[in-house]
Amino acid sequence: MLPREYRTYFHIGTSWELSESTICRIVNKTEKMLLQSGNFRLKGKKALLNQAEIPVITVMDVTETLIERPQKKQKDFLGGKRGYHTLKSQLVADQNTEEIICVCLLWER
């Protein structure tokens, strides 16, 4: 199981007495370093088929996360039935191994 952190940069910054922009830079640098290490590569969509071209049993989770109103291109982030600004995300995992196959974030139309 992966640890989860759903707090905003504002709340994390408040806990550590840092600004939101500093937290954002730290998160971006950390993500970049993790990706460059090579230990955090996802297989991608081709992993959904095995050697015999038979689909692998997968688990998919799709969600919309509320975000603050963007200053530019607000229409790109309007989602759902109530007109809130959201970020859409999708995660696909192998049901047997619980390995994450791909992640997709939609922030533009």
PDB file of N, CA and C in Angstrom:
ATOM      1  N   MET A   1       0.828  -1.168   0.000  1.00  0.00           N
ATOM      2  CA  MET A   1       0.000   0.000   0.000  1.00  0.00           C
ATOM      3  C   MET A   1       0.886   1.249   0.000  1.00  0.00           C
ATOM      4  N   LEU A   2       0.479   2.248  -0.738  1.00  0.00           N
ATOM      5  CA  LEU A   2       1.222   3.497  -0.800  1.00  0.00           C
ATOM      6  C   LEU A   2       0.662   4.489   0.219  1.00  0.00           C
ATOM      7  N   PRO A   3       1.536   5.256   0.861  1.00  0.00           N
ATOM      8  CA  PRO A   3       1.020   6.290   1.763  1.00  0.00           C
ATOM      9  C   PRO A   3       0.325   7.378   0.944  1.00  0.00           C
ATOM     10  N   ARG A   4      -0.717   7.969   1.480  1.00  0.00           N
ATOM     11  CA  ARG A   4      -1.474   8.973   0.744  1.00  0.00           C
ATOM     12  C   ARG A   4      -1.462  10.290   1.500  1.00  0.00           C
ATOM     13  N   GLU A   5      -1.380  11.362   0.757  1.00  0.00           N
ATOM     14  CA  GLU A   5      -1.400  12.704   1.331  1.00  0.00           C
ATOM     15  C   GLU A   5      -2.309  13.556   0.464  1.00  0.00           C
ATOM     16  N   TYR A   6      -3.449  13.928   0.984  1.00  0.00           N
ATOM     17  CA  TYR A   6      -4.421  14.674   0.200  1.00  0.00           C
ATOM     18  C   TYR A   6      -4.481  16.150   0.570  1.00  0.00           C
ATOM     19  N   ARG A   7      -3.598  16.610   1.426  1.00  0.00           N
ATOM     20  CA  ARG A   7      -3.635  18.010   1.833  1.00  0.00           C
ATOM     21  C   ARG A   7      -3.115  18.894   0.698  1.00  0.00           C
ATOM     22  N   THR A   8      -3.572  20.134   0.683  1.00  0.00           N
ATOM     23  CA  THR A   8      -3.122  21.088  -0.323  1.00  0.00           C
ATOM     24  C   THR A   8      -1.748  21.630   0.060  1.00  0.00           C
ATOM     25  N   TYR A   9      -1.096  22.295  -0.903  1.00  0.00           N
ATOM     26  CA  TYR A   9       0.197  22.918  -0.618  1.00  0.00           C
ATOM     27  C   TYR A   9       0.063  23.937   0.512  1.00  0.00           C
ATOM     28  N   PHE A  10      -1.079  24.600   0.571  1.00  0.00           N
ATOM     29  CA  PHE A  10      -1.313  25.579   1.638  1.00  0.00           C
ATOM     30  C   PHE A  10      -1.235  24.906   3.008  1.00  0.00           C
ATOM     31  N   HIS A  11      -1.918  23.771   3.164  1.00  0.00           N
ATOM     32  CA  HIS A  11      -1.938  23.086   4.462  1.00  0.00           C
ATOM     33  C   HIS A  11      -0.577  22.483   4.816  1.00  0.00           C
ATOM     34  N   ILE A  12       0.101  21.933   3.825  1.00  0.00           N
ATOM     35  CA  ILE A  12       1.444  21.390   4.079  1.00  0.00           C
ATOM     36  C   ILE A  12       2.382  22.527   4.473  1.00  0.00           C
ATOM     37  N   GLY A  13       2.290  23.651   3.750  1.00  0.00           N
ATOM     38  CA  GLY A  13       3.120  24.815   4.061  1.00  0.00           C
ATOM     39  C   GLY A  13       2.868  25.349   5.455  1.00  0.00           C
ATOM     40  N   THR A  14       1.608  25.347   5.864  1.00  0.00           N
ATOM     41  CA  THR A  14       1.259  25.805   7.210  1.00  0.00           C
ATOM     42  C   THR A  14       1.896  24.900   8.267  1.00  0.00           C
ATOM     43  N   SER A  15       1.874  23.590   8.025  1.00  0.00           N
ATOM     44  CA  SER A  15       2.466  22.643   8.979  1.00  0.00           C
ATOM     45  C   SER A  15       3.972  22.847   9.130  1.00  0.00           C
ATOM     46  N   TRP A  16       4.646  23.203   8.032  1.00  0.00           N
ATOM     47  CA  TRP A  16       6.100  23.326   8.037  1.00  0.00           C
ATOM     48  C   TRP A  16       6.567  24.787   8.048  1.00  0.00           C
ATOM     49  N   GLU A  17       5.601  25.719   8.157  1.00  0.00           N
ATOM     50  CA  GLU A  17       5.899  27.150   8.159  1.00  0.00           C
ATOM     51  C   GLU A  17       6.655  27.572   6.901  1.00  0.00           C
ATOM     52  N   LEU A  18       6.165  27.104   5.741  1.00  0.00           N
ATOM     53  CA  LEU A  18       6.718  27.457   4.435  1.00  0.00           C
ATOM     54  C   LEU A  18       5.587  27.954   3.547  1.00  0.00           C
ATOM     55  N   SER A  19       5.935  28.686   2.497  1.00  0.00           N
ATOM     56  CA  SER A  19       4.912  29.193   1.584  1.00  0.00           C
ATOM     57  C   SER A  19       4.457  28.092   0.622  1.00  0.00           C
ATOM     58  N   GLU A  20       3.296  28.318   0.003  1.00  0.00           N
ATOM     59  CA  GLU A  20       2.777  27.357  -0.979  1.00  0.00           C
ATOM     60  C   GLU A  20       3.752  27.190  -2.136  1.00  0.00           C
ATOM     61  N   SER A  21       4.347  28.295  -2.597  1.00  0.00           N
ATOM     62  CA  SER A  21       5.264  28.219  -3.736  1.00  0.00           C
ATOM     63  C   SER A  21       6.509  27.405  -3.393  1.00  0.00           C
ATOM     64  N   THR A  22       6.996  27.520  -2.162  1.00  0.00           N
ATOM     65  CA  THR A  22       8.156  26.724  -1.739  1.00  0.00           C
ATOM     66  C   THR A  22       7.800  25.244  -1.707  1.00  0.00           C
ATOM     67  N   ILE A  23       6.624  24.907  -1.178  1.00  0.00           N
ATOM     68  CA  ILE A  23       6.176  23.510  -1.153  1.00  0.00           C
ATOM     69  C   ILE A  23       6.045  22.980  -2.574  1.00  0.00           C
ATOM     70  N   CYS A  24       5.484  23.788  -3.475  1.00  0.00           N
ATOM     71  CA  CYS A  24       5.328  23.380  -4.873  1.00  0.00           C
ATOM     72  C   CYS A  24       6.689  23.077  -5.495  1.00  0.00           C
ATOM     73  N   ARG A  25       7.678  23.950  -5.274  1.00  0.00           N
ATOM     74  CA  ARG A  25       9.023  23.716  -5.821  1.00  0.00           C
ATOM     75  C   ARG A  25       9.635  22.439  -5.247  1.00  0.00           C
ATOM     76  N   ILE A  26       9.475  22.210  -3.948  1.00  0.00           N
ATOM     77  CA  ILE A  26      10.024  21.010  -3.312  1.00  0.00           C
ATOM     78  C   ILE A  26       9.383  19.754  -3.903  1.00  0.00           C
ATOM     79  N   VAL A  27       8.056  19.772  -4.056  1.00  0.00           N
ATOM     80  CA  VAL A  27       7.348  18.617  -4.618  1.00  0.00           C
ATOM     81  C   VAL A  27       7.803  18.364  -6.050  1.00  0.00           C
ATOM     82  N   ASN A  28       7.902  19.419  -6.861  1.00  0.00           N
ATOM     83  CA  ASN A  28       8.325  19.250  -8.255  1.00  0.00           C
ATOM     84  C   ASN A  28       9.744  18.702  -8.351  1.00  0.00           C
ATOM     85  N   LYS A  29      10.663  19.220  -7.532  1.00  0.00           N
ATOM     86  CA  LYS A  29      12.043  18.721  -7.543  1.00  0.00           C
ATOM     87  C   LYS A  29      12.098  17.262  -7.092  1.00  0.00           C
ATOM     88  N   THR A  30      11.326  16.925  -6.065  1.00  0.00           N
ATOM     89  CA  THR A  30      11.304  15.546  -5.562  1.00  0.00           C
ATOM     90  C   THR A  30      10.754  14.595  -6.616  1.00  0.00           C
ATOM     91  N   GLU A  31       9.644  14.976  -7.264  1.00  0.00           N
ATOM     92  CA  GLU A  31       9.073  14.131  -8.316  1.00  0.00           C
ATOM     93  C   GLU A  31      10.069  13.939  -9.452  1.00  0.00           C
ATOM     94  N   LYS A  32      10.754  15.011  -9.848  1.00  0.00           N
ATOM     95  CA  LYS A  32      11.733  14.929 -10.934  1.00  0.00           C
ATOM     96  C   LYS A  32      12.875  13.975 -10.563  1.00  0.00           C
ATOM     97  N   MET A  33      13.370  14.086  -9.324  1.00  0.00           N
ATOM     98  CA  MET A  33      14.453  13.204  -8.877  1.00  0.00           C
ATOM     99  C   MET A  33      14.001  11.743  -8.845  1.00  0.00           C
ATOM    100  N   LEU A  34      12.779  11.490  -8.385  1.00  0.00           N
ATOM    101  CA  LEU A  34      12.269  10.121  -8.335  1.00  0.00           C
ATOM    102  C   LEU A  34      12.138   9.537  -9.735  1.00  0.00           C
ATOM    103  N   LEU A  35      11.656  10.333 -10.683  1.00  0.00           N
ATOM    104  CA  LEU A  35      11.532   9.850 -12.059  1.00  0.00           C
ATOM    105  C   LEU A  35      12.896   9.588 -12.681  1.00  0.00           C
ATOM    106  N   GLN A  36      13.862  10.449 -12.419  1.00  0.00           N
ATOM    107  CA  GLN A  36      15.203  10.279 -12.973  1.00  0.00           C
ATOM    108  C   GLN A  36      15.921   9.071 -12.389  1.00  0.00           C
ATOM    109  N   SER A  37      15.529   8.639 -11.203  1.00  0.00           N
ATOM    110  CA  SER A  37      16.184   7.485 -10.583  1.00  0.00           C
ATOM    111  C   SER A  37      15.914   6.200 -11.354  1.00  0.00           C
ATOM    112  N   GLY A  38      14.826   6.172 -12.127  1.00  0.00           N
ATOM    113  CA  GLY A  38      14.495   4.979 -12.901  1.00  0.00           C
ATOM    114  C   GLY A  38      13.722   3.937 -12.121  1.00  0.00           C
ATOM    115  N   ASN A  39      13.524   4.138 -10.844  1.00  0.00           N
ATOM    116  CA  ASN A  39      12.804   3.168 -10.020  1.00  0.00           C
ATOM    117  C   ASN A  39      11.299   3.369 -10.044  1.00  0.00           C
ATOM    118  N   PHE A  40      10.839   4.429 -10.685  1.00  0.00           N
ATOM    119  CA  PHE A  40       9.420   4.756 -10.643  1.00  0.00           C
ATOM    120  C   PHE A  40       8.824   4.880 -12.037  1.00  0.00           C
ATOM    121  N   ARG A  41       9.171   3.989 -12.924  1.00  0.00           N
ATOM    122  CA  ARG A  41       8.630   3.984 -14.279  1.00  0.00           C
ATOM    123  C   ARG A  41       7.361   3.141 -14.304  1.00  0.00           C
ATOM    124  N   LEU A  42       6.348   3.645 -14.985  1.00  0.00           N
ATOM    125  CA  LEU A  42       5.110   2.895 -15.154  1.00  0.00           C
ATOM    126  C   LEU A  42       5.156   2.165 -16.486  1.00  0.00           C
ATOM    127  N   LYS A  43       4.524   1.013 -16.549  1.00  0.00           N
ATOM    128  CA  LYS A  43       4.570   0.191 -17.752  1.00  0.00           C
ATOM    129  C   LYS A  43       3.850   0.821 -18.936  1.00  0.00           C
ATOM    130  N   GLY A  44       2.754   1.494 -18.696  1.00  0.00           N
ATOM    131  CA  GLY A  44       2.001   2.115 -19.778  1.00  0.00           C
ATOM    132  C   GLY A  44       0.879   1.230 -20.281  1.00  0.00           C
ATOM    133  N   LYS A  45       0.171   1.730 -21.310  1.00  0.00           N
ATOM    134  CA  LYS A  45      -1.031   1.051 -21.793  1.00  0.00           C
ATOM    135  C   LYS A  45      -0.755  -0.334 -22.379  1.00  0.00           C
ATOM    136  N   LYS A  46       0.437  -0.557 -22.934  1.00  0.00           N
ATOM    137  CA  LYS A  46       0.740  -1.860 -23.538  1.00  0.00           C
ATOM    138  C   LYS A  46       0.735  -2.978 -22.498  1.00  0.00           C
ATOM    139  N   ALA A  47       0.900  -2.646 -21.247  1.00  0.00           N
ATOM    140  CA  ALA A  47       0.892  -3.647 -20.181  1.00  0.00           C
ATOM    141  C   ALA A  47      -0.500  -4.208 -19.939  1.00  0.00           C
ATOM    142  N   LEU A  48      -1.517  -3.594 -20.543  1.00  0.00           N
ATOM    143  CA  LEU A  48      -2.878  -4.097 -20.378  1.00  0.00           C
ATOM    144  C   LEU A  48      -3.110  -5.383 -21.159  1.00  0.00           C
ATOM    145  N   LEU A  49      -2.203  -5.711 -22.065  1.00  0.00           N
ATOM    146  CA  LEU A  49      -2.294  -6.966 -22.812  1.00  0.00           C
ATOM    147  C   LEU A  49      -1.096  -7.834 -22.451  1.00  0.00           C
ATOM    148  N   ASN A  50      -1.336  -9.124 -22.264  1.00  0.00           N
ATOM    149  CA  ASN A  50      -0.215 -10.018 -21.975  1.00  0.00           C
ATOM    150  C   ASN A  50       0.371 -10.543 -23.287  1.00  0.00           C
ATOM    151  N   GLN A  51       1.254 -11.513 -23.224  1.00  0.00           N
ATOM    152  CA  GLN A  51       1.940 -12.043 -24.403  1.00  0.00           C
ATOM    153  C   GLN A  51       0.969 -12.543 -25.466  1.00  0.00           C
ATOM    154  N   ALA A  52      -0.142 -13.129 -25.055  1.00  0.00           N
ATOM    155  CA  ALA A  52      -1.100 -13.721 -25.995  1.00  0.00           C
ATOM    156  C   ALA A  52      -2.182 -12.725 -26.416  1.00  0.00           C
ATOM    157  N   GLU A  53      -1.957 -11.439 -26.183  1.00  0.00           N
ATOM    158  CA  GLU A  53      -2.914 -10.392 -26.545  1.00  0.00           C
ATOM    159  C   GLU A  53      -4.249 -10.537 -25.813  1.00  0.00           C
ATOM    160  N   ILE A  54      -4.225 -11.176 -24.644  1.00  0.00           N
ATOM    161  CA  ILE A  54      -5.429 -11.309 -23.822  1.00  0.00           C
ATOM    162  C   ILE A  54      -5.393 -10.189 -22.784  1.00  0.00           C
ATOM    163  N   PRO A  55      -6.477  -9.433 -22.643  1.00  0.00           N
ATOM    164  CA  PRO A  55      -6.454  -8.329 -21.673  1.00  0.00           C
ATOM    165  C   PRO A  55      -6.187  -8.812 -20.248  1.00  0.00           C
ATOM    166  N   VAL A  56      -5.367  -8.064 -19.540  1.00  0.00           N
ATOM    167  CA  VAL A  56      -5.065  -8.335 -18.138  1.00  0.00           C
ATOM    168  C   VAL A  56      -6.215  -7.769 -17.294  1.00  0.00           C
ATOM    169  N   ILE A  57      -6.561  -8.464 -16.213  1.00  0.00           N
ATOM    170  CA  ILE A  57      -7.614  -7.966 -15.323  1.00  0.00           C
ATOM    171  C   ILE A  57      -7.074  -6.735 -14.603  1.00  0.00           C
ATOM    172  N   THR A  58      -7.781  -5.627 -14.766  1.00  0.00           N
ATOM    173  CA  THR A  58      -7.309  -4.378 -14.183  1.00  0.00           C
ATOM    174  C   THR A  58      -8.358  -3.756 -13.271  1.00  0.00           C
ATOM    175  N   VAL A  59      -7.887  -2.858 -12.452  1.00  0.00           N
ATOM    176  CA  VAL A  59      -8.752  -2.062 -11.585  1.00  0.00           C
ATOM    177  C   VAL A  59      -8.536  -0.608 -11.993  1.00  0.00           C
ATOM    178  N   MET A  60      -9.627   0.136 -12.168  1.00  0.00           N
ATOM    179  CA  MET A  60      -9.516   1.527 -12.589  1.00  0.00           C
ATOM    180  C   MET A  60     -10.241   2.418 -11.587  1.00  0.00           C
ATOM    181  N   ASP A  61      -9.617   3.530 -11.253  1.00  0.00           N
ATOM    182  CA  ASP A  61     -10.240   4.507 -10.363  1.00  0.00           C
ATOM    183  C   ASP A  61     -10.155   5.866 -11.037  1.00  0.00           C
ATOM    184  N   VAL A  62     -11.285   6.516 -11.167  1.00  0.00           N
ATOM    185  CA  VAL A  62     -11.352   7.836 -11.791  1.00  0.00           C
ATOM    186  C   VAL A  62     -12.018   8.788 -10.802  1.00  0.00           C
ATOM    187  N   THR A  63     -11.465   9.981 -10.677  1.00  0.00           N
ATOM    188  CA  THR A  63     -12.035  10.934  -9.731  1.00  0.00           C
ATOM    189  C   THR A  63     -11.838  12.362 -10.215  1.00  0.00           C
ATOM    190  N   GLU A  64     -12.644  13.255  -9.698  1.00  0.00           N
ATOM    191  CA  GLU A  64     -12.475  14.685  -9.912  1.00  0.00           C
ATOM    192  C   GLU A  64     -12.124  15.304  -8.564  1.00  0.00           C
ATOM    193  N   THR A  65     -11.065  16.097  -8.541  1.00  0.00           N
ATOM    194  CA  THR A  65     -10.618  16.736  -7.317  1.00  0.00           C
ATOM    195  C   THR A  65     -10.858  18.238  -7.421  1.00  0.00           C
ATOM    196  N   LEU A  66     -11.524  18.803  -6.437  1.00  0.00           N
ATOM    197  CA  LEU A  66     -11.762  20.243  -6.435  1.00  0.00           C
ATOM    198  C   LEU A  66     -10.444  21.000  -6.348  1.00  0.00           C
ATOM    199  N   ILE A  67     -10.321  22.063  -7.140  1.00  0.00           N
ATOM    200  CA  ILE A  67      -9.137  22.913  -7.106  1.00  0.00           C
ATOM    201  C   ILE A  67      -9.588  24.362  -6.968  1.00  0.00           C
ATOM    202  N   GLU A  68      -8.648  25.235  -6.622  1.00  0.00           N
ATOM    203  CA  GLU A  68      -8.960  26.656  -6.581  1.00  0.00           C
ATOM    204  C   GLU A  68      -9.219  27.146  -7.999  1.00  0.00           C
ATOM    205  N   ARG A  69     -10.016  28.197  -8.121  1.00  0.00           N
ATOM    206  CA  ARG A  69     -10.348  28.736  -9.436  1.00  0.00           C
ATOM    207  C   ARG A  69      -9.074  29.225 -10.122  1.00  0.00           C
ATOM    208  N   PRO A  70      -8.772  28.690 -11.324  1.00  0.00           N
ATOM    209  CA  PRO A  70      -7.588  29.154 -12.044  1.00  0.00           C
ATOM    210  C   PRO A  70      -7.788  30.580 -12.561  1.00  0.00           C
ATOM    211  N   GLN A  71      -6.706  31.322 -12.671  1.00  0.00           N
ATOM    212  CA  GLN A  71      -6.803  32.692 -13.160  1.00  0.00           C
ATOM    213  C   GLN A  71      -7.004  32.727 -14.670  1.00  0.00           C
ATOM    214  N   LYS A  72      -6.438  31.735 -15.377  1.00  0.00           N
ATOM    215  CA  LYS A  72      -6.556  31.684 -16.836  1.00  0.00           C
ATOM    216  C   LYS A  72      -7.218  30.374 -17.243  1.00  0.00           C
ATOM    217  N   LYS A  73      -7.897  30.392 -18.372  1.00  0.00           N
ATOM    218  CA  LYS A  73      -8.522  29.204 -18.965  1.00  0.00           C
ATOM    219  C   LYS A  73      -9.434  28.479 -17.979  1.00  0.00           C
ATOM    220  N   GLN A  74     -10.307  29.214 -17.333  1.00  0.00           N
ATOM    221  CA  GLN A  74     -11.196  28.621 -16.337  1.00  0.00           C
ATOM    222  C   GLN A  74     -12.091  27.545 -16.934  1.00  0.00           C
ATOM    223  N   LYS A  75     -12.526  27.729 -18.186  1.00  0.00           N
ATOM    224  CA  LYS A  75     -13.435  26.765 -18.804  1.00  0.00           C
ATOM    225  C   LYS A  75     -12.799  25.382 -18.927  1.00  0.00           C
ATOM    226  N   ASP A  76     -11.464  25.325 -19.043  1.00  0.00           N
ATOM    227  CA  ASP A  76     -10.782  24.032 -19.156  1.00  0.00           C
ATOM    228  C   ASP A  76     -10.899  23.212 -17.877  1.00  0.00           C
ATOM    229  N   PHE A  77     -11.148  23.860 -16.766  1.00  0.00           N
ATOM    230  CA  PHE A  77     -11.190  23.174 -15.477  1.00  0.00           C
ATOM    231  C   PHE A  77     -12.593  23.012 -14.911  1.00  0.00           C
ATOM    232  N   LEU A  78     -13.602  23.539 -15.610  1.00  0.00           N
ATOM    233  CA  LEU A  78     -14.964  23.381 -15.118  1.00  0.00           C
ATOM    234  C   LEU A  78     -15.374  21.932 -15.273  1.00  0.00           C
ATOM    235  N   GLY A  79     -15.867  21.336 -14.228  1.00  0.00           N
ATOM    236  CA  GLY A  79     -16.222  19.929 -14.314  1.00  0.00           C
ATOM    237  C   GLY A  79     -17.493  19.623 -13.565  1.00  0.00           C
ATOM    238  N   GLY A  80     -17.965  18.438 -13.792  1.00  0.00           N
ATOM    239  CA  GLY A  80     -19.109  17.954 -13.040  1.00  0.00           C
ATOM    240  C   GLY A  80     -20.388  18.693 -13.347  1.00  0.00           C
ATOM    241  N   LYS A  81     -21.368  18.421 -12.535  1.00  0.00           N
ATOM    242  CA  LYS A  81     -22.702  18.948 -12.753  1.00  0.00           C
ATOM    243  C   LYS A  81     -22.896  20.318 -12.130  1.00  0.00           C
ATOM    244  N   ARG A  82     -22.084  20.682 -11.180  1.00  0.00           N
ATOM    245  CA  ARG A  82     -22.328  21.909 -10.426  1.00  0.00           C
ATOM    246  C   ARG A  82     -21.426  23.064 -10.845  1.00  0.00           C
ATOM    247  N   GLY A  83     -20.552  22.861 -11.800  1.00  0.00           N
ATOM    248  CA  GLY A  83     -19.715  23.947 -12.284  1.00  0.00           C
ATOM    249  C   GLY A  83     -18.526  24.289 -11.412  1.00  0.00           C
ATOM    250  N   TYR A  84     -18.101  23.376 -10.536  1.00  0.00           N
ATOM    251  CA  TYR A  84     -16.905  23.608  -9.741  1.00  0.00           C
ATOM    252  C   TYR A  84     -15.676  23.416 -10.619  1.00  0.00           C
ATOM    253  N   HIS A  85     -14.556  24.004 -10.230  1.00  0.00           N
ATOM    254  CA  HIS A  85     -13.307  23.813 -10.942  1.00  0.00           C
ATOM    255  C   HIS A  85     -12.648  22.543 -10.399  1.00  0.00           C
ATOM    256  N   THR A  86     -12.329  21.619 -11.302  1.00  0.00           N
ATOM    257  CA  THR A  86     -11.800  20.327 -10.873  1.00  0.00           C
ATOM    258  C   THR A  86     -10.626  19.892 -11.734  1.00  0.00           C
ATOM    259  N   LEU A  87      -9.856  18.969 -11.201  1.00  0.00           N
ATOM    260  CA  LEU A  87      -8.789  18.291 -11.917  1.00  0.00           C
ATOM    261  C   LEU A  87      -9.205  16.832 -12.004  1.00  0.00           C
ATOM    262  N   LYS A  88      -9.266  16.305 -13.222  1.00  0.00           N
ATOM    263  CA  LYS A  88      -9.702  14.925 -13.407  1.00  0.00           C
ATOM    264  C   LYS A  88      -8.482  14.004 -13.417  1.00  0.00           C
ATOM    265  N   SER A  89      -8.573  12.874 -12.717  1.00  0.00           N
ATOM    266  CA  SER A  89      -7.451  11.939 -12.680  1.00  0.00           C
ATOM    267  C   SER A  89      -7.953  10.503 -12.785  1.00  0.00           C
ATOM    268  N   GLN A  90      -7.095   9.660 -13.357  1.00  0.00           N
ATOM    269  CA  GLN A  90      -7.434   8.248 -13.554  1.00  0.00           C
ATOM    270  C   GLN A  90      -6.215   7.403 -13.218  1.00  0.00           C
ATOM    271  N   LEU A  91      -6.435   6.279 -12.572  1.00  0.00           N
ATOM    272  CA  LEU A  91      -5.369   5.356 -12.224  1.00  0.00           C
ATOM    273  C   LEU A  91      -5.791   3.961 -12.656  1.00  0.00           C
ATOM    274  N   VAL A  92      -4.889   3.229 -13.327  1.00  0.00           N
ATOM    275  CA  VAL A  92      -5.157   1.855 -13.751  1.00  0.00           C
ATOM    276  C   VAL A  92      -4.117   0.958 -13.091  1.00  0.00           C
ATOM    277  N   ALA A  93      -4.574  -0.132 -12.458  1.00  0.00           N
ATOM    278  CA  ALA A  93      -3.666  -1.047 -11.769  1.00  0.00           C
ATOM    279  C   ALA A  93      -4.000  -2.490 -12.121  1.00  0.00           C
ATOM    280  N   ASP A  94      -2.991  -3.362 -12.060  1.00  0.00           N
ATOM    281  CA  ASP A  94      -3.181  -4.796 -12.263  1.00  0.00           C
ATOM    282  C   ASP A  94      -3.829  -5.358 -10.998  1.00  0.00           C
ATOM    283  N   GLN A  95      -4.937  -6.057 -11.162  1.00  0.00           N
ATOM    284  CA  GLN A  95      -5.670  -6.550  -9.994  1.00  0.00           C
ATOM    285  C   GLN A  95      -4.885  -7.615  -9.232  1.00  0.00           C
ATOM    286  N   ASN A  96      -4.137  -8.447  -9.938  1.00  0.00           N
ATOM    287  CA  ASN A  96      -3.422  -9.543  -9.277  1.00  0.00           C
ATOM    288  C   ASN A  96      -2.187  -9.061  -8.516  1.00  0.00           C
ATOM    289  N   THR A  97      -1.374  -8.223  -9.154  1.00  0.00           N
ATOM    290  CA  THR A  97      -0.120  -7.789  -8.532  1.00  0.00           C
ATOM    291  C   THR A  97      -0.244  -6.465  -7.789  1.00  0.00           C
ATOM    292  N   GLU A  98      -1.376  -5.766  -7.962  1.00  0.00           N
ATOM    293  CA  GLU A  98      -1.610  -4.445  -7.381  1.00  0.00           C
ATOM    294  C   GLU A  98      -0.582  -3.428  -7.864  1.00  0.00           C
ATOM    295  N   GLU A  99       0.026  -3.690  -9.017  1.00  0.00           N
ATOM    296  CA  GLU A  99       1.015  -2.795  -9.597  1.00  0.00           C
ATOM    297  C   GLU A  99       0.310  -1.724 -10.430  1.00  0.00           C
ATOM    298  N   ILE A 100       0.703  -0.471 -10.255  1.00  0.00           N
ATOM    299  CA  ILE A 100       0.113   0.627 -11.024  1.00  0.00           C
ATOM    300  C   ILE A 100       0.629   0.554 -12.453  1.00  0.00           C
ATOM    301  N   ILE A 101      -0.292   0.565 -13.408  1.00  0.00           N
ATOM    302  CA  ILE A 101       0.076   0.471 -14.819  1.00  0.00           C
ATOM    303  C   ILE A 101       0.191   1.856 -15.441  1.00  0.00           C
ATOM    304  N   CYS A 102      -0.785   2.702 -15.240  1.00  0.00           N
ATOM    305  CA  CYS A 102      -0.689   4.061 -15.777  1.00  0.00           C
ATOM    306  C   CYS A 102      -1.550   5.023 -14.970  1.00  0.00           C
ATOM    307  N   VAL A 103      -1.169   6.284 -15.041  1.00  0.00           N
ATOM    308  CA  VAL A 103      -1.870   7.365 -14.361  1.00  0.00           C
ATOM    309  C   VAL A 103      -2.106   8.464 -15.383  1.00  0.00           C
ATOM    310  N   CYS A 104      -3.273   9.059 -15.358  1.00  0.00           N
ATOM    311  CA  CYS A 104      -3.601  10.123 -16.306  1.00  0.00           C
ATOM    312  C   CYS A 104      -4.233  11.284 -15.549  1.00  0.00           C
ATOM    313  N   LEU A 105      -3.746  12.485 -15.807  1.00  0.00           N
ATOM    314  CA  LEU A 105      -4.336  13.700 -15.253  1.00  0.00           C
ATOM    315  C   LEU A 105      -4.834  14.540 -16.413  1.00  0.00           C
ATOM    316  N   LEU A 106      -6.053  15.014 -16.327  1.00  0.00           N
ATOM    317  CA  LEU A 106      -6.619  15.841 -17.382  1.00  0.00           C
ATOM    318  C   LEU A 106      -6.791  17.247 -16.847  1.00  0.00           C
ATOM    319  N   TRP A 107      -6.008  18.177 -17.366  1.00  0.00           N
ATOM    320  CA  TRP A 107      -6.150  19.556 -16.946  1.00  0.00           C
ATOM    321  C   TRP A 107      -6.452  20.474 -18.116  1.00  0.00           C
ATOM    322  N   GLU A 108      -6.543  19.937 -19.335  1.00  0.00           N
ATOM    323  CA  GLU A 108      -6.946  20.723 -20.495  1.00  0.00           C
ATOM    324  C   GLU A 108      -7.951  19.948 -21.297  1.00  0.00           C
ATOM    325  N   ARG A 109      -8.749  20.667 -22.052  1.00  0.00           N
ATOM    326  CA  ARG A 109      -9.692  20.002 -22.955  1.00  0.00           C
ATOM    327  C   ARG A 109      -9.101  19.917 -24.324  1.00  0.00           C
TER     328      ARG A 109
END
